[in-house]
PDB file of N, CA and C in Angstrom:
ATOM      1  N   MET A   1       1.371   5.414  -0.608  1.00  0.00           N
ATOM      2  CA  MET A   1       2.587   4.729  -0.986  1.00  0.00           C
ATOM      3  C   MET A   1       3.072   5.315  -2.313  1.00  0.00           C
ATOM      4  N   GLU A   2       4.343   5.546  -2.374  1.00  0.00           N
ATOM      5  CA  GLU A   2       4.917   6.145  -3.573  1.00  0.00           C
ATOM      6  C   GLU A   2       5.024   5.103  -4.687  1.00  0.00           C
ATOM      7  N   ARG A   3       4.613   5.493  -5.881  1.00  0.00           N
ATOM      8  CA  ARG A   3       4.668   4.585  -7.025  1.00  0.00           C
ATOM      9  C   ARG A   3       6.001   4.726  -7.740  1.00  0.00           C
ATOM     10  N   CYS A   4       6.267   3.769  -8.611  1.00  0.00           N
ATOM     11  CA  CYS A   4       7.515   3.748  -9.363  1.00  0.00           C
ATOM     12  C   CYS A   4       7.581   4.968 -10.290  1.00  0.00           C
ATOM     13  N   GLY A   5       8.671   5.713 -10.250  1.00  0.00           N
ATOM     14  CA  GLY A   5       8.840   6.874 -11.109  1.00  0.00           C
ATOM     15  C   GLY A   5       8.218   8.149 -10.573  1.00  0.00           C
ATOM     16  N   GLN A   6       7.529   8.080  -9.454  1.00  0.00           N
ATOM     17  CA  GLN A   6       6.863   9.263  -8.920  1.00  0.00           C
ATOM     18  C   GLN A   6       7.852  10.221  -8.259  1.00  0.00           C
ATOM     19  N   GLN A   7       8.972   9.724  -7.831  1.00  0.00           N
ATOM     20  CA  GLN A   7       9.977  10.554  -7.156  1.00  0.00           C
ATOM     21  C   GLN A   7      10.443  11.690  -8.077  1.00  0.00           C
ATOM     22  N   CYS A   8      10.728  11.370  -9.337  1.00  0.00           N
ATOM     23  CA  CYS A   8      11.229  12.388 -10.281  1.00  0.00           C
ATOM     24  C   CYS A   8      10.181  13.461 -10.539  1.00  0.00           C
ATOM     25  N   LEU A   9       8.949  13.052 -10.782  1.00  0.00           N
ATOM     26  CA  LEU A   9       7.899  14.023 -11.062  1.00  0.00           C
ATOM     27  C   LEU A   9       7.551  14.847  -9.832  1.00  0.00           C
ATOM     28  N   SER A  10       7.679  14.246  -8.650  1.00  0.00           N
ATOM     29  CA  SER A  10       7.394  14.992  -7.419  1.00  0.00           C
ATOM     30  C   SER A  10       8.358  16.150  -7.245  1.00  0.00           C
ATOM     31  N   THR A  11       9.622  15.935  -7.576  1.00  0.00           N
ATOM     32  CA  THR A  11      10.592  17.027  -7.439  1.00  0.00           C
ATOM     33  C   THR A  11      10.286  18.160  -8.420  1.00  0.00           C
ATOM     34  N   VAL A  12       9.824  17.828  -9.616  1.00  0.00           N
ATOM     35  CA  VAL A  12       9.475  18.863 -10.598  1.00  0.00           C
ATOM     36  C   VAL A  12       8.265  19.650 -10.128  1.00  0.00           C
ATOM     37  N   VAL A  13       7.255  18.946  -9.638  1.00  0.00           N
ATOM     38  CA  VAL A  13       6.037  19.628  -9.184  1.00  0.00           C
ATOM     39  C   VAL A  13       6.333  20.477  -7.953  1.00  0.00           C
ATOM     40  N   LYS A  14       7.193  19.985  -7.064  1.00  0.00           N
ATOM     41  CA  LYS A  14       7.577  20.778  -5.890  1.00  0.00           C
ATOM     42  C   LYS A  14       8.329  22.036  -6.303  1.00  0.00           C
ATOM     43  N   ALA A  15       9.140  21.946  -7.350  1.00  0.00           N
ATOM     44  CA  ALA A  15       9.956  23.084  -7.770  1.00  0.00           C
ATOM     45  C   ALA A  15       9.096  24.248  -8.259  1.00  0.00           C
ATOM     46  N   PHE A  16       8.000  23.977  -8.934  1.00  0.00           N
ATOM     47  CA  PHE A  16       7.151  25.043  -9.459  1.00  0.00           C
ATOM     48  C   PHE A  16       6.139  25.548  -8.440  1.00  0.00           C
ATOM     49  N   GLY A  17       6.056  24.912  -7.289  1.00  0.00           N
ATOM     50  CA  GLY A  17       5.232  25.391  -6.183  1.00  0.00           C
ATOM     51  C   GLY A  17       3.747  25.381  -6.458  1.00  0.00           C
ATOM     52  N   PRO A  18       3.038  26.453  -6.056  1.00  0.00           N
ATOM     53  CA  PRO A  18       1.572  26.467  -6.157  1.00  0.00           C
ATOM     54  C   PRO A  18       1.057  26.477  -7.597  1.00  0.00           C
ATOM     55  N   LEU A  19       1.925  26.812  -8.542  1.00  0.00           N
ATOM     56  CA  LEU A  19       1.496  26.820  -9.945  1.00  0.00           C
ATOM     57  C   LEU A  19       1.116  25.415 -10.414  1.00  0.00           C
ATOM     58  N   THR A  20       1.833  24.414  -9.993  1.00  0.00           N
ATOM     59  CA  THR A  20       1.521  23.042 -10.410  1.00  0.00           C
ATOM     60  C   THR A  20       0.742  22.275  -9.349  1.00  0.00           C
ATOM     61  N   ARG A  21       0.737  22.751  -8.116  1.00  0.00           N
ATOM     62  CA  ARG A  21       0.042  22.061  -7.047  1.00  0.00           C
ATOM     63  C   ARG A  21      -1.469  22.308  -7.093  1.00  0.00           C
ATOM     64  N   ASN A  22      -1.871  23.443  -7.607  1.00  0.00           N
ATOM     65  CA  ASN A  22      -3.273  23.828  -7.622  1.00  0.00           C
ATOM     66  C   ASN A  22      -4.001  23.172  -8.794  1.00  0.00           C
ATOM     67  N   TYR A  23      -5.158  22.566  -8.528  1.00  0.00           N
ATOM     68  CA  TYR A  23      -5.914  21.885  -9.578  1.00  0.00           C
ATOM     69  C   TYR A  23      -6.676  22.846 -10.476  1.00  0.00           C
ATOM     70  N   TYR A  24      -6.966  24.048 -10.025  1.00  0.00           N
ATOM     71  CA  TYR A  24      -7.579  25.034 -10.919  1.00  0.00           C
ATOM     72  C   TYR A  24      -6.618  25.372 -12.058  1.00  0.00           C
ATOM     73  N   VAL A  25      -5.348  25.533 -11.726  1.00  0.00           N
ATOM     74  CA  VAL A  25      -4.342  25.835 -12.745  1.00  0.00           C
ATOM     75  C   VAL A  25      -4.221  24.683 -13.727  1.00  0.00           C
ATOM     76  N   ARG A  26      -4.249  23.470 -13.215  1.00  0.00           N
ATOM     77  CA  ARG A  26      -4.164  22.302 -14.100  1.00  0.00           C
ATOM     78  C   ARG A  26      -5.381  22.211 -15.021  1.00  0.00           C
ATOM     79  N   ALA A  27      -6.566  22.536 -14.496  1.00  0.00           N
ATOM     80  CA  ALA A  27      -7.780  22.486 -15.331  1.00  0.00           C
ATOM     81  C   ALA A  27      -7.689  23.501 -16.466  1.00  0.00           C
ATOM     82  N   ILE A  28      -7.219  24.707 -16.165  1.00  0.00           N
ATOM     83  CA  ILE A  28      -7.088  25.732 -17.207  1.00  0.00           C
ATOM     84  C   ILE A  28      -6.015  25.332 -18.210  1.00  0.00           C
ATOM     85  N   LEU A  29      -4.921  24.757 -17.731  1.00  0.00           N
ATOM     86  CA  LEU A  29      -3.846  24.317 -18.625  1.00  0.00           C
ATOM     87  C   LEU A  29      -4.335  23.227 -19.587  1.00  0.00           C
ATOM     88  N   HIS A  30      -5.067  22.253 -19.077  1.00  0.00           N
ATOM     89  CA  HIS A  30      -5.574  21.192 -19.950  1.00  0.00           C
ATOM     90  C   HIS A  30      -6.594  21.737 -20.952  1.00  0.00           C
ATOM     91  N   ALA A  31      -7.456  22.633 -20.495  1.00  0.00           N
ATOM     92  CA  ALA A  31      -8.440  23.219 -21.423  1.00  0.00           C
ATOM     93  C   ALA A  31      -7.731  24.037 -22.502  1.00  0.00           C
ATOM     94  N   GLY A  32      -6.695  24.777 -22.120  1.00  0.00           N
ATOM     95  CA  GLY A  32      -5.945  25.563 -23.102  1.00  0.00           C
ATOM     96  C   GLY A  32      -5.216  24.691 -24.110  1.00  0.00           C
ATOM     97  N   LEU A  33      -4.700  23.557 -23.658  1.00  0.00           N
ATOM     98  CA  LEU A  33      -4.028  22.644 -24.586  1.00  0.00           C
ATOM     99  C   LEU A  33      -5.007  21.922 -25.506  1.00  0.00           C
ATOM    100  N   ALA A  34      -6.255  21.797 -25.080  1.00  0.00           N
ATOM    101  CA  ALA A  34      -7.247  21.091 -25.892  1.00  0.00           C
ATOM    102  C   ALA A  34      -7.748  21.940 -27.057  1.00  0.00           C
ATOM    103  N   VAL A  35      -7.717  23.237 -26.927  1.00  0.00           N
ATOM    104  CA  VAL A  35      -8.285  24.110 -27.970  1.00  0.00           C
ATOM    105  C   VAL A  35      -7.584  23.957 -29.320  1.00  0.00           C
ATOM    106  N   PRO A  36      -6.255  24.038 -29.430  1.00  0.00           N
ATOM    107  CA  PRO A  36      -5.643  23.922 -30.764  1.00  0.00           C
ATOM    108  C   PRO A  36      -5.850  22.558 -31.407  1.00  0.00           C
ATOM    109  N   GLY A  37      -5.963  21.522 -30.617  1.00  0.00           N
ATOM    110  CA  GLY A  37      -6.145  20.179 -31.179  1.00  0.00           C
ATOM    111  C   GLY A  37      -7.514  19.972 -31.786  1.00  0.00           C
ATOM    112  N   GLY A  38      -8.470  20.819 -31.453  1.00  0.00           N
ATOM    113  CA  GLY A  38      -9.822  20.673 -31.991  1.00  0.00           C
ATOM    114  C   GLY A  38      -9.948  21.084 -33.440  1.00  0.00           C
ATOM    115  N   PHE A  39      -8.950  21.740 -34.009  1.00  0.00           N
ATOM    116  CA  PHE A  39      -9.025  22.211 -35.394  1.00  0.00           C
ATOM    117  C   PHE A  39      -8.516  21.200 -36.406  1.00  0.00           C
ATOM    118  N   ILE A  40      -7.867  20.127 -35.936  1.00  0.00           N
ATOM    119  CA  ILE A  40      -7.339  19.113 -36.841  1.00  0.00           C
ATOM    120  C   ILE A  40      -8.084  17.804 -36.569  1.00  0.00           C
ATOM    121  N   LEU A  41      -8.556  17.185 -37.630  1.00  0.00           N
ATOM    122  CA  LEU A  41      -9.359  15.975 -37.477  1.00  0.00           C
ATOM    123  C   LEU A  41      -8.586  14.836 -36.818  1.00  0.00           C
ATOM    124  N   ALA A  42      -7.301  14.727 -37.067  1.00  0.00           N
ATOM    125  CA  ALA A  42      -6.520  13.621 -36.523  1.00  0.00           C
ATOM    126  C   ALA A  42      -6.322  13.734 -35.008  1.00  0.00           C
ATOM    127  N   THR A  43      -6.507  14.906 -34.451  1.00  0.00           N
ATOM    128  CA  THR A  43      -6.262  15.084 -33.019  1.00  0.00           C
ATOM    129  C   THR A  43      -7.537  15.300 -32.208  1.00  0.00           C
ATOM    130  N   ILE A  44      -8.684  14.996 -32.800  1.00  0.00           N
ATOM    131  CA  ILE A  44      -9.955  15.194 -32.096  1.00  0.00           C
ATOM    132  C   ILE A  44     -10.033  14.314 -30.850  1.00  0.00           C
ATOM    133  N   LEU A  45      -9.610  13.054 -30.959  1.00  0.00           N
ATOM    134  CA  LEU A  45      -9.694  12.140 -29.807  1.00  0.00           C
ATOM    135  C   LEU A  45      -8.820  12.643 -28.648  1.00  0.00           C
ATOM    136  N   GLY A  46      -7.613  13.114 -28.947  1.00  0.00           N
ATOM    137  CA  GLY A  46      -6.760  13.681 -27.913  1.00  0.00           C
ATOM    138  C   GLY A  46      -7.363  14.928 -27.291  1.00  0.00           C
ATOM    139  N   THR A  47      -8.030  15.728 -28.127  1.00  0.00           N
ATOM    140  CA  THR A  47      -8.692  16.933 -27.638  1.00  0.00           C
ATOM    141  C   THR A  47      -9.810  16.583 -26.670  1.00  0.00           C
ATOM    142  N   VAL A  48     -10.569  15.548 -27.010  1.00  0.00           N
ATOM    143  CA  VAL A  48     -11.661  15.111 -26.127  1.00  0.00           C
ATOM    144  C   VAL A  48     -11.090  14.626 -24.790  1.00  0.00           C
ATOM    145  N   CYS A  49     -10.007  13.878 -24.847  1.00  0.00           N
ATOM    146  CA  CYS A  49      -9.372  13.382 -23.613  1.00  0.00           C
ATOM    147  C   CYS A  49      -8.864  14.532 -22.746  1.00  0.00           C
ATOM    148  N   LEU A  50      -8.237  15.528 -23.362  1.00  0.00           N
ATOM    149  CA  LEU A  50      -7.772  16.684 -22.603  1.00  0.00           C
ATOM    150  C   LEU A  50      -8.942  17.477 -22.025  1.00  0.00           C
ATOM    151  N   GLY A  51     -10.031  17.559 -22.765  1.00  0.00           N
ATOM    152  CA  GLY A  51     -11.224  18.241 -22.252  1.00  0.00           C
ATOM    153  C   GLY A  51     -11.811  17.524 -21.045  1.00  0.00           C
ATOM    154  N   ILE A  52     -11.879  16.199 -21.125  1.00  0.00           N
ATOM    155  CA  ILE A  52     -12.387  15.420 -19.986  1.00  0.00           C
ATOM    156  C   ILE A  52     -11.454  15.574 -18.785  1.00  0.00           C
ATOM    157  N   ALA A  53     -10.145  15.550 -19.021  1.00  0.00           N
ATOM    158  CA  ALA A  53      -9.189  15.745 -17.926  1.00  0.00           C
ATOM    159  C   ALA A  53      -9.356  17.122 -17.308  1.00  0.00           C
ATOM    160  N   SER A  54      -9.620  18.117 -18.135  1.00  0.00           N
ATOM    161  CA  SER A  54      -9.830  19.467 -17.632  1.00  0.00           C
ATOM    162  C   SER A  54     -11.062  19.519 -16.728  1.00  0.00           C
ATOM    163  N   ILE A  55     -12.122  18.860 -17.135  1.00  0.00           N
ATOM    164  CA  ILE A  55     -13.346  18.821 -16.314  1.00  0.00           C
ATOM    165  C   ILE A  55     -13.086  18.097 -14.999  1.00  0.00           C
ATOM    166  N   ILE A  56     -12.369  16.994 -15.051  1.00  0.00           N
ATOM    167  CA  ILE A  56     -12.069  16.230 -13.830  1.00  0.00           C
ATOM    168  C   ILE A  56     -11.226  17.068 -12.871  1.00  0.00           C
ATOM    169  N   TYR A  57     -10.207  17.745 -13.370  1.00  0.00           N
ATOM    170  CA  TYR A  57      -9.381  18.589 -12.515  1.00  0.00           C
ATOM    171  C   TYR A  57     -10.192  19.742 -11.925  1.00  0.00           C
ATOM    172  N   PHE A  58     -11.112  20.313 -12.718  1.00  0.00           N
ATOM    173  CA  PHE A  58     -11.933  21.400 -12.209  1.00  0.00           C
ATOM    174  C   PHE A  58     -12.849  20.913 -11.088  1.00  0.00           C
ATOM    175  N   LEU A  59     -13.459  19.748 -11.272  1.00  0.00           N
ATOM    176  CA  LEU A  59     -14.332  19.199 -10.224  1.00  0.00           C
ATOM    177  C   LEU A  59     -13.539  18.864  -8.962  1.00  0.00           C
ATOM    178  N   ALA A  60     -12.325  18.356  -9.135  1.00  0.00           N
ATOM    179  CA  ALA A  60     -11.486  18.059  -7.967  1.00  0.00           C
ATOM    180  C   ALA A  60     -11.110  19.344  -7.234  1.00  0.00           C
ATOM    181  N   ALA A  61     -10.846  20.412  -7.991  1.00  0.00           N
ATOM    182  CA  ALA A  61     -10.496  21.686  -7.358  1.00  0.00           C
ATOM    183  C   ALA A  61     -11.688  22.267  -6.611  1.00  0.00           C
ATOM    184  N   VAL A  62     -12.876  22.124  -7.169  1.00  0.00           N
ATOM    185  CA  VAL A  62     -14.076  22.620  -6.504  1.00  0.00           C
ATOM    186  C   VAL A  62     -14.305  21.864  -5.196  1.00  0.00           C
ATOM    187  N   CYS A  63     -13.992  20.572  -5.180  1.00  0.00           N
ATOM    188  CA  CYS A  63     -14.161  19.765  -3.960  1.00  0.00           C
ATOM    189  C   CYS A  63     -13.066  20.029  -2.933  1.00  0.00           C
ATOM    190  N   GLY A  64     -12.072  20.836  -3.263  1.00  0.00           N
ATOM    191  CA  GLY A  64     -11.043  21.216  -2.304  1.00  0.00           C
ATOM    192  C   GLY A  64      -9.805  20.339  -2.311  1.00  0.00           C
ATOM    193  N   GLU A  65      -9.635  19.545  -3.333  1.00  0.00           N
ATOM    194  CA  GLU A  65      -8.452  18.698  -3.386  1.00  0.00           C
ATOM    195  C   GLU A  65      -7.241  19.500  -3.854  1.00  0.00           C
ATOM    196  N   GLU A  66      -6.078  19.043  -3.413  1.00  0.00           N
ATOM    197  CA  GLU A  66      -4.823  19.677  -3.803  1.00  0.00           C
ATOM    198  C   GLU A  66      -3.741  18.611  -3.814  1.00  0.00           C
ATOM    199  N   TRP A  67      -2.777  18.758  -4.710  1.00  0.00           N
ATOM    200  CA  TRP A  67      -1.697  17.772  -4.783  1.00  0.00           C
ATOM    201  C   TRP A  67      -0.721  18.013  -3.643  1.00  0.00           C
ATOM    202  N   ARG A  68      -0.361  16.944  -2.943  1.00  0.00           N
ATOM    203  CA  ARG A  68       0.661  17.009  -1.892  1.00  0.00           C
ATOM    204  C   ARG A  68       1.681  15.927  -2.158  1.00  0.00           C
ATOM    205  N   PRO A  69       2.975  16.257  -2.060  1.00  0.00           N
ATOM    206  CA  PRO A  69       3.998  15.230  -2.307  1.00  0.00           C
ATOM    207  C   PRO A  69       4.004  14.197  -1.191  1.00  0.00           C
ATOM    208  N   ILE A  70       4.459  13.005  -1.531  1.00  0.00           N
ATOM    209  CA  ILE A  70       4.572  11.941  -0.539  1.00  0.00           C
ATOM    210  C   ILE A  70       5.905  12.113   0.175  1.00  0.00           C
ATOM    211  N   GLU A  71       5.831  12.371   1.459  1.00  0.00           N
ATOM    212  CA  GLU A  71       7.033  12.558   2.267  1.00  0.00           C
ATOM    213  C   GLU A  71       7.421  11.224   2.890  1.00  0.00           C
ATOM    214  N   PRO A  72       8.712  10.936   2.988  1.00  0.00           N
ATOM    215  CA  PRO A  72       9.114   9.692   3.644  1.00  0.00           C
ATOM    216  C   PRO A  72       8.753   9.730   5.124  1.00  0.00           C
ATOM    217  N   GLN A  73       8.153   8.656   5.590  1.00  0.00           N
ATOM    218  CA  GLN A  73       7.730   8.584   6.982  1.00  0.00           C
ATOM    219  C   GLN A  73       8.620   7.618   7.746  1.00  0.00           C
ATOM    220  N   ALA A  74       8.796   7.909   9.008  1.00  0.00           N
ATOM    221  CA  ALA A  74       9.559   6.996   9.860  1.00  0.00           C
ATOM    222  C   ALA A  74       8.723   5.741  10.084  1.00  0.00           C
ATOM    223  N   PRO A  75       9.363   4.571  10.114  1.00  0.00           N
ATOM    224  CA  PRO A  75       8.575   3.351  10.334  1.00  0.00           C
ATOM    225  C   PRO A  75       7.908   3.403  11.700  1.00  0.00           C
ATOM    226  N   PRO A  76       6.665   2.958  11.780  1.00  0.00           N
ATOM    227  CA  PRO A  76       5.960   3.034  13.063  1.00  0.00           C
ATOM    228  C   PRO A  76       6.616   2.144  14.108  1.00  0.00           C
ATOM    229  N   LYS A  77       6.692   2.660  15.312  1.00  0.00           N
ATOM    230  CA  LYS A  77       7.293   1.902  16.405  1.00  0.00           C
ATOM    231  C   LYS A  77       6.279   0.861  16.884  1.00  0.00           C
ATOM    232  N   LEU A  78       6.711  -0.376  16.955  1.00  0.00           N
ATOM    233  CA  LEU A  78       5.819  -1.446  17.377  1.00  0.00           C
ATOM    234  C   LEU A  78       5.590  -1.351  18.879  1.00  0.00           C
ATOM    235  N   LYS A  79       4.341  -1.379  19.270  1.00  0.00           N
ATOM    236  CA  LYS A  79       4.005  -1.304  20.682  1.00  0.00           C
ATOM    237  C   LYS A  79       3.774  -2.709  21.217  1.00  0.00           C
ATOM    238  N   VAL A  80       4.400  -2.997  22.329  1.00  0.00           N
ATOM    239  CA  VAL A  80       4.213  -4.289  22.967  1.00  0.00           C
ATOM    240  C   VAL A  80       3.086  -4.143  23.969  1.00  0.00           C
ATOM    241  N   ALA A  81       2.216  -5.118  23.987  1.00  0.00           N
ATOM    242  CA  ALA A  81       1.081  -5.060  24.903  1.00  0.00           C
ATOM    243  C   ALA A  81       1.577  -4.961  26.343  1.00  0.00           C
ATOM    244  N   GLU A  82       0.797  -4.298  27.176  1.00  0.00           N
ATOM    245  CA  GLU A  82       1.202  -4.094  28.553  1.00  0.00           C
ATOM    246  C   GLU A  82       1.273  -5.409  29.324  1.00  0.00           C
ATOM    247  N   THR A  83       0.515  -6.400  28.918  1.00  0.00           N
ATOM    248  CA  THR A  83       0.514  -7.665  29.639  1.00  0.00           C
ATOM    249  C   THR A  83       1.738  -8.506  29.309  1.00  0.00           C
ATOM    250  N   ILE A  84       2.445  -8.176  28.250  1.00  0.00           N
ATOM    251  CA  ILE A  84       3.606  -8.976  27.856  1.00  0.00           C
ATOM    252  C   ILE A  84       4.872  -8.195  28.198  1.00  0.00           C
ATOM    253  N   LYS A  85       5.096  -7.967  29.460  1.00  0.00           N
ATOM    254  CA  LYS A  85       6.291  -7.248  29.868  1.00  0.00           C
ATOM    255  C   LYS A  85       7.415  -8.197  30.253  1.00  0.00           C
ATOM    256  N   ARG A  86       7.067  -9.374  30.747  1.00  0.00           N
ATOM    257  CA  ARG A  86       8.087 -10.355  31.135  1.00  0.00           C
ATOM    258  C   ARG A  86       7.549 -11.749  30.832  1.00  0.00           C
ATOM    259  N   PRO A  87       8.429 -12.711  30.658  1.00  0.00           N
ATOM    260  CA  PRO A  87       7.966 -14.064  30.323  1.00  0.00           C
ATOM    261  C   PRO A  87       7.244 -14.705  31.509  1.00  0.00           C
ATOM    262  N   PRO A  88       6.455 -15.747  31.247  1.00  0.00           N
ATOM    263  CA  PRO A  88       5.736 -16.407  32.341  1.00  0.00           C
ATOM    264  C   PRO A  88       6.706 -17.035  33.342  1.00  0.00           C
ATOM    265  N   GLU A  89       6.299 -17.013  34.599  1.00  0.00           N
ATOM    266  CA  GLU A  89       7.150 -17.548  35.655  1.00  0.00           C
ATOM    267  C   GLU A  89       6.860 -19.014  35.956  1.00  0.00           C
ATOM    268  N   ASN A  90       5.635 -19.438  35.769  1.00  0.00           N
ATOM    269  CA  ASN A  90       5.254 -20.815  36.074  1.00  0.00           C
ATOM    270  C   ASN A  90       5.276 -21.659  34.808  1.00  0.00           C
ATOM    271  N   PRO A  91       5.629 -22.947  34.923  1.00  0.00           N
ATOM    272  CA  PRO A  91       5.604 -23.810  33.737  1.00  0.00           C
ATOM    273  C   PRO A  91       4.176 -24.091  33.308  1.00  0.00           C
ATOM    274  N   PRO A  92       3.960 -24.532  32.072  1.00  0.00           N
ATOM    275  CA  PRO A  92       2.603 -24.832  31.629  1.00  0.00           C
ATOM    276  C   PRO A  92       2.054 -26.048  32.374  1.00  0.00           C
ATOM    277  N   PRO A  93       0.739 -26.154  32.487  1.00  0.00           N
ATOM    278  CA  PRO A  93       0.156 -27.300  33.204  1.00  0.00           C
ATOM    279  C   PRO A  93       0.425 -28.598  32.456  1.00  0.00           C
ATOM    280  N   ARG A  94       0.692 -29.665  33.230  1.00  0.00           N
ATOM    281  CA  ARG A  94       0.969 -30.971  32.646  1.00  0.00           C
ATOM    282  C   ARG A  94       0.065 -31.990  33.306  1.00  0.00           C
ATOM    283  N   PRO A  95      -0.200 -33.110  32.623  1.00  0.00           N
ATOM    284  CA  PRO A  95      -1.035 -34.138  33.245  1.00  0.00           C
ATOM    285  C   PRO A  95      -0.294 -34.796  34.412  1.00  0.00           C
ATOM    286  N   PRO A  96      -1.005 -35.473  35.296  1.00  0.00           N
ATOM    287  CA  PRO A  96      -0.370 -36.141  36.430  1.00  0.00           C
ATOM    288  C   PRO A  96       0.648 -37.187  35.959  1.00  0.00           C
ATOM    289  N   PRO A  97       1.632 -37.537  36.812  1.00  0.00           N
ATOM    290  CA  PRO A  97       2.689 -38.473  36.408  1.00  0.00           C
ATOM    291  C   PRO A  97       2.167 -39.836  35.967  1.00  0.00           C
ATOM    292  N   GLU A  98       1.076 -40.338  36.565  1.00  0.00           N
ATOM    293  CA  GLU A  98       0.558 -41.656  36.182  1.00  0.00           C
ATOM    294  C   GLU A  98       0.087 -41.663  34.721  1.00  0.00           C
ATOM    295  N   VAL A  99      -0.567 -40.626  34.325  1.00  0.00           N
ATOM    296  CA  VAL A  99      -1.086 -40.537  32.958  1.00  0.00           C
ATOM    297  C   VAL A  99       0.069 -40.389  31.970  1.00  0.00           C
ATOM    298  N   ARG A 100       1.090 -39.639  32.367  1.00  0.00           N
ATOM    299  CA  ARG A 100       2.237 -39.456  31.468  1.00  0.00           C
ATOM    300  C   ARG A 100       2.946 -40.786  31.223  1.00  0.00           C
ATOM    301  N   ARG A 101       3.087 -41.641  32.235  1.00  0.00           N
ATOM    302  CA  ARG A 101       3.757 -42.929  32.059  1.00  0.00           C
ATOM    303  C   ARG A 101       2.949 -43.839  31.148  1.00  0.00           C
ATOM    304  N   LYS A 102       1.624 -43.779  31.242  1.00  0.00           N
ATOM    305  CA  LYS A 102       0.784 -44.621  30.385  1.00  0.00           C
ATOM    306  C   LYS A 102       1.005 -44.249  28.915  1.00  0.00           C
ATOM    307  N   GLN A 103       1.049 -42.975  28.646  1.00  0.00           N
ATOM    308  CA  GLN A 103       1.226 -42.546  27.262  1.00  0.00           C
ATOM    309  C   GLN A 103       2.570 -43.003  26.719  1.00  0.00           C
ATOM    310  N   VAL A 104       3.600 -42.973  27.521  1.00  0.00           N
ATOM    311  CA  VAL A 104       4.928 -43.387  27.079  1.00  0.00           C
ATOM    312  C   VAL A 104       4.966 -44.891  26.898  1.00  0.00           C
ATOM    313  N   ASP A 105       4.321 -45.674  27.805  1.00  0.00           N
ATOM    314  CA  ASP A 105       4.336 -47.127  27.734  1.00  0.00           C
ATOM    315  C   ASP A 105       3.577 -47.647  26.519  1.00  0.00           C
ATOM    316  N   GLU A 106       2.461 -47.011  26.181  1.00  0.00           N
ATOM    317  CA  GLU A 106       1.667 -47.507  25.052  1.00  0.00           C
ATOM    318  C   GLU A 106       2.455 -47.392  23.761  1.00  0.00           C
ATOM    319  N   GLY A 107       3.145 -46.324  23.603  1.00  0.00           N
ATOM    320  CA  GLY A 107       3.965 -46.145  22.411  1.00  0.00           C
ATOM    321  C   GLY A 107       3.128 -45.944  21.162  1.00  0.00           C
ATOM    322  N   HIS A 108       3.798 -45.880  20.059  1.00  0.00           N
ATOM    323  CA  HIS A 108       3.131 -45.678  18.774  1.00  0.00           C
ATOM    324  C   HIS A 108       3.406 -46.878  17.888  1.00  0.00           C
ATOM    325  N   VAL A 109       2.354 -47.426  17.317  1.00  0.00           N
ATOM    326  CA  VAL A 109       2.489 -48.586  16.445  1.00  0.00           C
ATOM    327  C   VAL A 109       2.356 -48.108  15.010  1.00  0.00           C
ATOM    328  N   ASN A 110       3.375 -48.420  14.206  1.00  0.00           N
ATOM    329  CA  ASN A 110       3.359 -48.033  12.810  1.00  0.00           C
ATOM    330  C   ASN A 110       2.579 -49.093  12.033  1.00  0.00           C
ATOM    331  N   PRO A 111       1.518 -48.724  11.304  1.00  0.00           N
ATOM    332  CA  PRO A 111       0.727 -49.711  10.563  1.00  0.00           C
ATOM    333  C   PRO A 111       1.470 -50.303   9.361  1.00  0.00           C
ATOM    334  N   ILE A 112       2.483 -49.630   8.863  1.00  0.00           N
ATOM    335  CA  ILE A 112       3.233 -50.129   7.725  1.00  0.00           C
ATOM    336  C   ILE A 112       4.541 -50.714   8.235  1.00  0.00           C
ATOM    337  N   PRO A 113       4.802 -52.015   7.985  1.00  0.00           N
ATOM    338  CA  PRO A 113       6.049 -52.612   8.485  1.00  0.00           C
ATOM    339  C   PRO A 113       7.259 -52.027   7.746  1.00  0.00           C
ATOM    340  N   VAL A 114       8.291 -51.714   8.512  1.00  0.00           N
ATOM    341  CA  VAL A 114       9.515 -51.153   7.953  1.00  0.00           C
ATOM    342  C   VAL A 114      10.626 -52.162   8.195  1.00  0.00           C
ATOM    343  N   GLU A 115      11.311 -52.524   7.126  1.00  0.00           N
ATOM    344  CA  GLU A 115      12.408 -53.486   7.237  1.00  0.00           C
ATOM    345  C   GLU A 115      13.700 -52.830   6.790  1.00  0.00           C
ATOM    346  N   ASP A 116      14.763 -53.162   7.470  1.00  0.00           N
ATOM    347  CA  ASP A 116      16.082 -52.611   7.147  1.00  0.00           C
ATOM    348  C   ASP A 116      16.833 -53.622   6.335  1.00  0.00           C
ATOM    349  N   GLU A 117      17.254 -53.302   5.126  1.00  0.00           N
ATOM    350  CA  GLU A 117      17.972 -54.222   4.254  1.00  0.00           C
ATOM    351  C   GLU A 117      19.460 -53.971   4.386  1.00  0.00           C
ATOM    352  N   VAL A 118      20.097 -54.645   5.298  1.00  0.00           N
ATOM    353  CA  VAL A 118      21.537 -54.475   5.490  1.00  0.00           C
ATOM    354  C   VAL A 118      22.258 -55.753   5.202  1.00  0.00           C
TER     355      VAL A 118
END
């Protein structure tokens, strides 16, 4: 699923082709950016983060991973089960007429009395 803001970056990465898609290139780029930051004390933490990112990208490249853009997919077509091709022809089963009359005759008794104030 595409995340918010990923559309813009995807077009940039697609434009540069295999240079940005390959994780070996990204690992070398991060390692190269980490080197100058190691000479200034204030940027040591950023240098460490770039070094760790470089290692992660290198390990991902060794495992064979590669960046692929998210392409829009057509919504999946809903499949209707083969047994539901037409509606049922027979009505649902009902109790015998004698039992149905008993249920109607008994009725429902409300335990709370309701009075109409008119």
